[in-house]
Amino acid sequence: MKLYSFFRSSAAYRVRIALNVKGLAYEYVAKHLRRDGGEQLKPEYRAIQPQALVPALEDGGAVIAQSLAIIEYLEEAYPQTPRLLPTAAAERAIVRAIAQAIACDIHPLNNLRVLNYLKSRMGQSEEATNAWYRHWIGEGFVALELWIGKHSADGKHSFGAGVTLADVCLVPQVYNARRFQIDLAPYPRLAAVSSHLETLPAFVAARPEAQPDKE
């Protein structure tokens, strides 16, 4: 199994957590998103991932793009390992909704290529770009705080009392929020869940600082 990753990519961070939770070994292939104009934009990588984004996962001859699709693949291909989705259909849907709120609504508005476009093409200042980032994080975290309050069974997980896909998505987003010095005090449940998860070995090993391409 081969994972194309960048240490600071929150989408790749999700997949690293999922692989670690499931105890699946993989080869780490770094694609630096800034060096040499962006290594992910080179033709050889576009042949692997046509969107020129990380992560991408190679396994058994298949190449899967998009972090949530990769994690769902791992759920189906390796069902004997710890599961990240509940067994009941309604519970799976709730966990997916929380995960998608992060991966599809919060993160796309604040990823590197969007922030770069705001600054380079739209002429926005660093201050204005950071204000954009903080606004959309805040909008998303308000909803996550309510979801966690409703669905966490122990105050340590986003849903129920075990690690799910929602947790896999939450921790990288909180990591990014801290990078941009966003105050988490208005989201005490969210902050408590993330703080607990960040102590678990699978999450610790997936941290950007623990990756071979860290800077």
C-alpha atoms as a PDB file:
ATOM      1  CA  MET A   1       0.000   0.000   0.000  1.00  0.00           C
ATOM      2  CA  LYS A   2       1.342   3.415  -0.992  1.00  0.00           C
ATOM      3  CA  LEU A   3       0.091   6.794   0.258  1.00  0.00           C
ATOM      4  CA  TYR A   4       0.911  10.003  -1.597  1.00  0.00           C
ATOM      5  CA  SER A   5       0.917  12.644   1.104  1.00  0.00           C
ATOM      6  CA  PHE A   6       2.115  16.041   2.277  1.00  0.00           C
ATOM      7  CA  PHE A   7       2.833  16.446   5.963  1.00  0.00           C
ATOM      8  CA  ARG A   8       0.625  19.520   6.382  1.00  0.00           C
ATOM      9  CA  SER A   9      -2.303  18.431   4.197  1.00  0.00           C
ATOM     10  CA  SER A  10      -5.303  17.914   6.436  1.00  0.00           C
ATOM     11  CA  ALA A  11      -6.901  15.588   3.866  1.00  0.00           C
ATOM     12  CA  ALA A  12      -3.801  13.383   3.894  1.00  0.00           C
ATOM     13  CA  TYR A  13      -3.716  13.698   7.707  1.00  0.00           C
ATOM     14  CA  ARG A  14      -7.189  12.090   7.813  1.00  0.00           C
ATOM     15  CA  VAL A  15      -6.048   9.112   5.795  1.00  0.00           C
ATOM     16  CA  ARG A  16      -2.919   8.655   7.889  1.00  0.00           C
ATOM     17  CA  ILE A  17      -5.083   8.524  11.016  1.00  0.00           C
ATOM     18  CA  ALA A  18      -7.420   5.974   9.427  1.00  0.00           C
ATOM     19  CA  LEU A  19      -4.544   3.760   8.300  1.00  0.00           C
ATOM     20  CA  ASN A  20      -3.019   3.919  11.773  1.00  0.00           C
ATOM     21  CA  VAL A  21      -6.306   3.159  13.547  1.00  0.00           C
ATOM     22  CA  LYS A  22      -6.711   0.139  11.315  1.00  0.00           C
ATOM     23  CA  GLY A  23      -3.114  -0.963  11.803  1.00  0.00           C
ATOM     24  CA  LEU A  24      -2.393  -0.986   8.066  1.00  0.00           C
ATOM     25  CA  ALA A  25       1.210  -0.566   6.946  1.00  0.00           C
ATOM     26  CA  TYR A  26       1.923   1.726   4.009  1.00  0.00           C
ATOM     27  CA  GLU A  27       4.737   3.405   2.107  1.00  0.00           C
ATOM     28  CA  TYR A  28       4.778   7.186   2.507  1.00  0.00           C
ATOM     29  CA  VAL A  29       5.426   9.057  -0.751  1.00  0.00           C
ATOM     30  CA  ALA A  30       5.844  12.784  -0.165  1.00  0.00           C
ATOM     31  CA  LYS A  31       4.486  15.343  -2.625  1.00  0.00           C
ATOM     32  CA  HIS A  32       5.466  18.831  -1.549  1.00  0.00           C
ATOM     33  CA  LEU A  33       2.683  21.284  -2.338  1.00  0.00           C
ATOM     34  CA  ARG A  34       4.944  24.351  -2.466  1.00  0.00           C
ATOM     35  CA  ARG A  35       8.371  23.171  -3.639  1.00  0.00           C
ATOM     36  CA  ASP A  36       9.333  23.579  -7.296  1.00  0.00           C
ATOM     37  CA  GLY A  37       5.992  25.119  -8.130  1.00  0.00           C
ATOM     38  CA  GLY A  38       4.117  22.269  -6.453  1.00  0.00           C
ATOM     39  CA  GLU A  39       5.240  18.669  -6.948  1.00  0.00           C
ATOM     40  CA  GLN A  40       1.598  17.589  -7.119  1.00  0.00           C
ATOM     41  CA  LEU A  41       1.237  19.527 -10.384  1.00  0.00           C
ATOM     42  CA  LYS A  42       3.875  17.547 -12.254  1.00  0.00           C
ATOM     43  CA  PRO A  43       2.648  15.356 -15.136  1.00  0.00           C
ATOM     44  CA  GLU A  44       3.839  12.148 -13.477  1.00  0.00           C
ATOM     45  CA  TYR A  45       1.627  12.780 -10.461  1.00  0.00           C
ATOM     46  CA  ARG A  46      -1.338  13.965 -12.528  1.00  0.00           C
ATOM     47  CA  ALA A  47      -1.187  10.569 -14.212  1.00  0.00           C
ATOM     48  CA  ILE A  48      -1.840   9.091 -10.762  1.00  0.00           C
ATOM     49  CA  GLN A  49      -4.273  11.712  -9.424  1.00  0.00           C
ATOM     50  CA  PRO A  50      -5.794  13.829 -12.238  1.00  0.00           C
ATOM     51  CA  GLN A  51      -6.911  16.568  -9.805  1.00  0.00           C
ATOM     52  CA  ALA A  52      -3.283  17.030  -8.728  1.00  0.00           C
ATOM     53  CA  LEU A  53      -4.265  16.841  -5.062  1.00  0.00           C
ATOM     54  CA  VAL A  54      -3.113  14.789  -2.119  1.00  0.00           C
ATOM     55  CA  PRO A  55      -3.813  12.261  -0.821  1.00  0.00           C
ATOM     56  CA  ALA A  56      -3.946   9.357  -3.238  1.00  0.00           C
ATOM     57  CA  LEU A  57      -3.751   5.721  -2.203  1.00  0.00           C
ATOM     58  CA  GLU A  58      -2.412   2.829  -4.268  1.00  0.00           C
ATOM     59  CA  ASP A  59      -3.470  -0.625  -3.136  1.00  0.00           C
ATOM     60  CA  GLY A  60      -3.517  -3.857  -5.084  1.00  0.00           C
ATOM     61  CA  GLY A  61      -3.299  -2.115  -8.435  1.00  0.00           C
ATOM     62  CA  ALA A  62      -6.101   0.332  -7.651  1.00  0.00           C
ATOM     63  CA  VAL A  63      -5.551   4.070  -7.203  1.00  0.00           C
ATOM     64  CA  ILE A  64      -8.086   5.901  -5.049  1.00  0.00           C
ATOM     65  CA  ALA A  65      -8.340   9.682  -4.714  1.00  0.00           C
ATOM     66  CA  GLN A  66     -10.250  11.863  -2.234  1.00  0.00           C
ATOM     67  CA  SER A  67      -9.729  11.272   1.466  1.00  0.00           C
ATOM     68  CA  LEU A  68     -13.278  10.190   2.320  1.00  0.00           C
ATOM     69  CA  ALA A  69     -13.391   7.797  -0.621  1.00  0.00           C
ATOM     70  CA  ILE A  70     -10.053   6.343   0.499  1.00  0.00           C
ATOM     71  CA  ILE A  71     -11.266   5.825   4.057  1.00  0.00           C
ATOM     72  CA  GLU A  72     -14.532   4.260   2.882  1.00  0.00           C
ATOM     73  CA  TYR A  73     -12.450   1.963   0.682  1.00  0.00           C
ATOM     74  CA  LEU A  74     -10.385   0.935   3.693  1.00  0.00           C
ATOM     75  CA  GLU A  75     -13.606   0.194   5.589  1.00  0.00           C
ATOM     76  CA  GLU A  76     -14.793  -2.117   2.837  1.00  0.00           C
ATOM     77  CA  ALA A  77     -11.479  -3.694   1.846  1.00  0.00           C
ATOM     78  CA  TYR A  78     -10.279  -4.328   5.406  1.00  0.00           C
ATOM     79  CA  PRO A  79     -13.440  -5.068   7.423  1.00  0.00           C
ATOM     80  CA  GLN A  80     -11.526  -7.247   9.883  1.00  0.00           C
ATOM     81  CA  THR A  81      -9.711  -4.215  11.294  1.00  0.00           C
ATOM     82  CA  PRO A  82     -11.236  -1.664  13.732  1.00  0.00           C
ATOM     83  CA  ARG A  83     -14.241  -0.074  12.073  1.00  0.00           C
ATOM     84  CA  LEU A  84     -14.695   3.661  11.616  1.00  0.00           C
ATOM     85  CA  LEU A  85     -18.396   3.502  10.797  1.00  0.00           C
ATOM     86  CA  PRO A  86     -21.171   2.171  13.073  1.00  0.00           C
ATOM     87  CA  THR A  87     -23.205  -0.868  12.067  1.00  0.00           C
ATOM     88  CA  ALA A  88     -26.653   0.791  12.172  1.00  0.00           C
ATOM     89  CA  ALA A  89     -27.610   2.666   8.996  1.00  0.00           C
ATOM     90  CA  ALA A  90     -28.875   5.797  10.787  1.00  0.00           C
ATOM     91  CA  GLU A  91     -25.749   6.003  12.934  1.00  0.00           C
ATOM     92  CA  ARG A  92     -23.496   5.585   9.886  1.00  0.00           C
ATOM     93  CA  ALA A  93     -25.358   8.421   8.199  1.00  0.00           C
ATOM     94  CA  ILE A  94     -24.861  10.728  11.196  1.00  0.00           C
ATOM     95  CA  VAL A  95     -21.137   9.979  11.352  1.00  0.00           C
ATOM     96  CA  ARG A  96     -20.827  10.574   7.609  1.00  0.00           C
ATOM     97  CA  ALA A  97     -22.715  13.867   7.952  1.00  0.00           C
ATOM     98  CA  ILE A  98     -20.304  15.121  10.607  1.00  0.00           C
ATOM     99  CA  ALA A  99     -17.313  14.022   8.535  1.00  0.00           C
ATOM    100  CA  GLN A 100     -18.677  15.632   5.383  1.00  0.00           C
ATOM    101  CA  ALA A 101     -19.438  18.873   7.214  1.00  0.00           C
ATOM    102  CA  ILE A 102     -15.692  19.092   7.795  1.00  0.00           C
ATOM    103  CA  ALA A 103     -14.301  17.583   4.599  1.00  0.00           C
ATOM    104  CA  CYS A 104     -16.854  19.076   2.179  1.00  0.00           C
ATOM    105  CA  ASP A 105     -17.950  22.353   3.780  1.00  0.00           C
ATOM    106  CA  ILE A 106     -15.231  23.698   6.091  1.00  0.00           C
ATOM    107  CA  HIS A 107     -11.996  22.449   4.576  1.00  0.00           C
ATOM    108  CA  PRO A 108     -12.533  23.272   0.859  1.00  0.00           C
ATOM    109  CA  LEU A 109     -13.039  26.956   1.670  1.00  0.00           C
ATOM    110  CA  ASN A 110      -9.758  27.116   3.547  1.00  0.00           C
ATOM    111  CA  ASN A 111      -7.310  24.821   1.824  1.00  0.00           C
ATOM    112  CA  LEU A 112      -4.010  26.017   0.398  1.00  0.00           C
ATOM    113  CA  ARG A 113      -5.088  26.578  -3.190  1.00  0.00           C
ATOM    114  CA  VAL A 114      -8.104  28.678  -2.125  1.00  0.00           C
ATOM    115  CA  LEU A 115      -6.031  30.832   0.235  1.00  0.00           C
ATOM    116  CA  ASN A 116      -3.379  31.287  -2.459  1.00  0.00           C
ATOM    117  CA  TYR A 117      -6.044  32.309  -4.982  1.00  0.00           C
ATOM    118  CA  LEU A 118      -7.489  34.870  -2.589  1.00  0.00           C
ATOM    119  CA  LYS A 119      -4.073  36.454  -2.170  1.00  0.00           C
ATOM    120  CA  SER A 120      -2.599  36.133  -5.652  1.00  0.00           C
ATOM    121  CA  ARG A 121      -5.586  36.496  -7.983  1.00  0.00           C
ATOM    122  CA  MET A 122      -8.109  38.373  -5.847  1.00  0.00           C
ATOM    123  CA  GLY A 123      -5.553  40.734  -4.356  1.00  0.00           C
ATOM    124  CA  GLN A 124      -6.548  40.083  -0.761  1.00  0.00           C
ATOM    125  CA  SER A 125      -4.144  40.940   2.026  1.00  0.00           C
ATOM    126  CA  GLU A 126      -2.828  38.434   4.531  1.00  0.00           C
ATOM    127  CA  GLU A 127      -5.129  39.995   7.127  1.00  0.00           C
ATOM    128  CA  ALA A 128      -8.200  39.666   4.886  1.00  0.00           C
ATOM    129  CA  THR A 129      -7.311  36.092   3.944  1.00  0.00           C
ATOM    130  CA  ASN A 130      -6.938  35.131   7.594  1.00  0.00           C
ATOM    131  CA  ALA A 131     -10.286  36.766   8.360  1.00  0.00           C
ATOM    132  CA  TRP A 132     -11.868  34.620   5.627  1.00  0.00           C
ATOM    133  CA  TYR A 133     -10.294  31.520   7.165  1.00  0.00           C
ATOM    134  CA  ARG A 134     -11.488  32.315  10.672  1.00  0.00           C
ATOM    135  CA  HIS A 135     -15.017  33.119   9.518  1.00  0.00           C
ATOM    136  CA  TRP A 136     -15.600  29.778   7.817  1.00  0.00           C
ATOM    137  CA  ILE A 137     -13.953  27.820  10.611  1.00  0.00           C
ATOM    138  CA  GLY A 138     -16.269  29.539  13.078  1.00  0.00           C
ATOM    139  CA  GLU A 139     -19.347  28.818  10.980  1.00  0.00           C
ATOM    140  CA  GLY A 140     -18.444  25.144  10.801  1.00  0.00           C
ATOM    141  CA  PHE A 141     -17.380  24.743  14.410  1.00  0.00           C
ATOM    142  CA  VAL A 142     -20.688  26.120  15.716  1.00  0.00           C
ATOM    143  CA  ALA A 143     -22.499  23.226  14.042  1.00  0.00           C
ATOM    144  CA  LEU A 144     -19.895  20.654  15.100  1.00  0.00           C
ATOM    145  CA  GLU A 145     -20.178  21.775  18.709  1.00  0.00           C
ATOM    146  CA  LEU A 146     -23.917  21.115  18.626  1.00  0.00           C
ATOM    147  CA  TRP A 147     -23.517  17.761  16.875  1.00  0.00           C
ATOM    148  CA  ILE A 148     -20.935  16.577  19.368  1.00  0.00           C
ATOM    149  CA  GLY A 149     -23.099  17.702  22.265  1.00  0.00           C
ATOM    150  CA  LYS A 150     -25.948  15.632  20.874  1.00  0.00           C
ATOM    151  CA  HIS A 151     -24.119  12.501  19.731  1.00  0.00           C
ATOM    152  CA  SER A 152     -21.023  12.019  21.915  1.00  0.00           C
ATOM    153  CA  ALA A 153     -21.608   9.381  24.586  1.00  0.00           C
ATOM    154  CA  ASP A 154     -18.510  10.107  26.652  1.00  0.00           C
ATOM    155  CA  GLY A 155     -17.287  13.610  25.835  1.00  0.00           C
ATOM    156  CA  LYS A 156     -14.181  12.056  24.262  1.00  0.00           C
ATOM    157  CA  HIS A 157     -15.480  11.164  20.811  1.00  0.00           C
ATOM    158  CA  SER A 158     -17.577  12.984  18.232  1.00  0.00           C
ATOM    159  CA  PHE A 159     -20.094  10.150  18.075  1.00  0.00           C
ATOM    160  CA  GLY A 160     -20.729   7.419  20.614  1.00  0.00           C
ATOM    161  CA  ALA A 161     -17.822   6.207  22.683  1.00  0.00           C
ATOM    162  CA  GLY A 162     -15.330   5.055  20.063  1.00  0.00           C
ATOM    163  CA  VAL A 163     -13.232   6.436  17.223  1.00  0.00           C
ATOM    164  CA  THR A 164     -15.223   7.022  14.036  1.00  0.00           C
ATOM    165  CA  LEU A 165     -14.794   8.697  10.684  1.00  0.00           C
ATOM    166  CA  ALA A 166     -16.038  11.914  12.320  1.00  0.00           C
ATOM    167  CA  ASP A 167     -13.055  11.913  14.692  1.00  0.00           C
ATOM    168  CA  VAL A 168     -10.646  11.169  11.863  1.00  0.00           C
ATOM    169  CA  CYS A 169     -11.833  14.358  10.151  1.00  0.00           C
ATOM    170  CA  LEU A 170     -12.152  16.496  13.277  1.00  0.00           C
ATOM    171  CA  VAL A 171      -8.578  16.354  14.567  1.00  0.00           C
ATOM    172  CA  PRO A 172      -6.860  17.667  11.391  1.00  0.00           C
ATOM    173  CA  GLN A 173      -9.359  20.524  11.195  1.00  0.00           C
ATOM    174  CA  VAL A 174      -8.743  21.495  14.817  1.00  0.00           C
ATOM    175  CA  TYR A 175      -4.995  21.268  14.185  1.00  0.00           C
ATOM    176  CA  ASN A 176      -5.376  23.793  11.370  1.00  0.00           C
ATOM    177  CA  ALA A 177      -7.546  26.038  13.507  1.00  0.00           C
ATOM    178  CA  ARG A 178      -4.816  26.177  16.124  1.00  0.00           C
ATOM    179  CA  ARG A 179      -2.245  26.994  13.443  1.00  0.00           C
ATOM    180  CA  PHE A 180      -4.300  30.066  12.593  1.00  0.00           C
ATOM    181  CA  GLN A 181      -4.650  30.936  16.295  1.00  0.00           C
ATOM    182  CA  ILE A 182      -8.415  30.469  16.382  1.00  0.00           C
ATOM    183  CA  ASP A 183      -9.864  30.619  19.885  1.00  0.00           C
ATOM    184  CA  LEU A 184     -11.501  27.275  20.701  1.00  0.00           C
ATOM    185  CA  ALA A 185     -13.089  28.509  23.938  1.00  0.00           C
ATOM    186  CA  PRO A 186     -16.519  28.929  22.280  1.00  0.00           C
ATOM    187  CA  TYR A 187     -16.426  25.216  21.362  1.00  0.00           C
ATOM    188  CA  PRO A 188     -15.651  23.402  24.633  1.00  0.00           C
ATOM    189  CA  ARG A 189     -17.088  20.010  23.623  1.00  0.00           C
ATOM    190  CA  LEU A 190     -15.263  20.041  20.297  1.00  0.00           C
ATOM    191  CA  ALA A 191     -12.000  21.062  21.985  1.00  0.00           C
ATOM    192  CA  ALA A 192     -12.330  18.358  24.661  1.00  0.00           C
ATOM    193  CA  VAL A 193     -12.961  15.638  22.082  1.00  0.00           C
ATOM    194  CA  SER A 194     -10.013  16.709  19.956  1.00  0.00           C
ATOM    195  CA  SER A 195      -7.715  16.966  22.987  1.00  0.00           C
ATOM    196  CA  HIS A 196      -8.550  13.395  23.979  1.00  0.00           C
ATOM    197  CA  LEU A 197      -8.136  12.001  20.471  1.00  0.00           C
ATOM    198  CA  GLU A 198      -4.784  13.715  20.042  1.00  0.00           C
ATOM    199  CA  THR A 199      -3.372  11.561  22.876  1.00  0.00           C
ATOM    200  CA  LEU A 200      -4.206   8.265  21.121  1.00  0.00           C
ATOM    201  CA  PRO A 201      -1.230   6.535  19.445  1.00  0.00           C
ATOM    202  CA  ALA A 202      -2.853   6.340  16.010  1.00  0.00           C
ATOM    203  CA  PHE A 203      -3.470  10.095  16.041  1.00  0.00           C
ATOM    204  CA  VAL A 204      -0.056  10.948  17.484  1.00  0.00           C
ATOM    205  CA  ALA A 205       1.725   8.985  14.734  1.00  0.00           C
ATOM    206  CA  ALA A 206      -0.318  10.798  12.050  1.00  0.00           C
ATOM    207  CA  ARG A 207       0.569  14.312  13.226  1.00  0.00           C
ATOM    208  CA  PRO A 208       2.305  16.525  10.647  1.00  0.00           C
ATOM    209  CA  GLU A 209       5.379  16.797  12.901  1.00  0.00           C
ATOM    210  CA  ALA A 210       5.782  12.998  12.855  1.00  0.00           C
ATOM    211  CA  GLN A 211       5.959  12.681   9.058  1.00  0.00           C
ATOM    212  CA  PRO A 212       9.178  12.102   7.100  1.00  0.00           C
ATOM    213  CA  ASP A 213       8.699  15.264   5.036  1.00  0.00           C
ATOM    214  CA  LYS A 214       8.046  17.555   8.005  1.00  0.00           C
ATOM    215  CA  GLU A 215       9.595  21.029   7.921  1.00  0.00           C
END
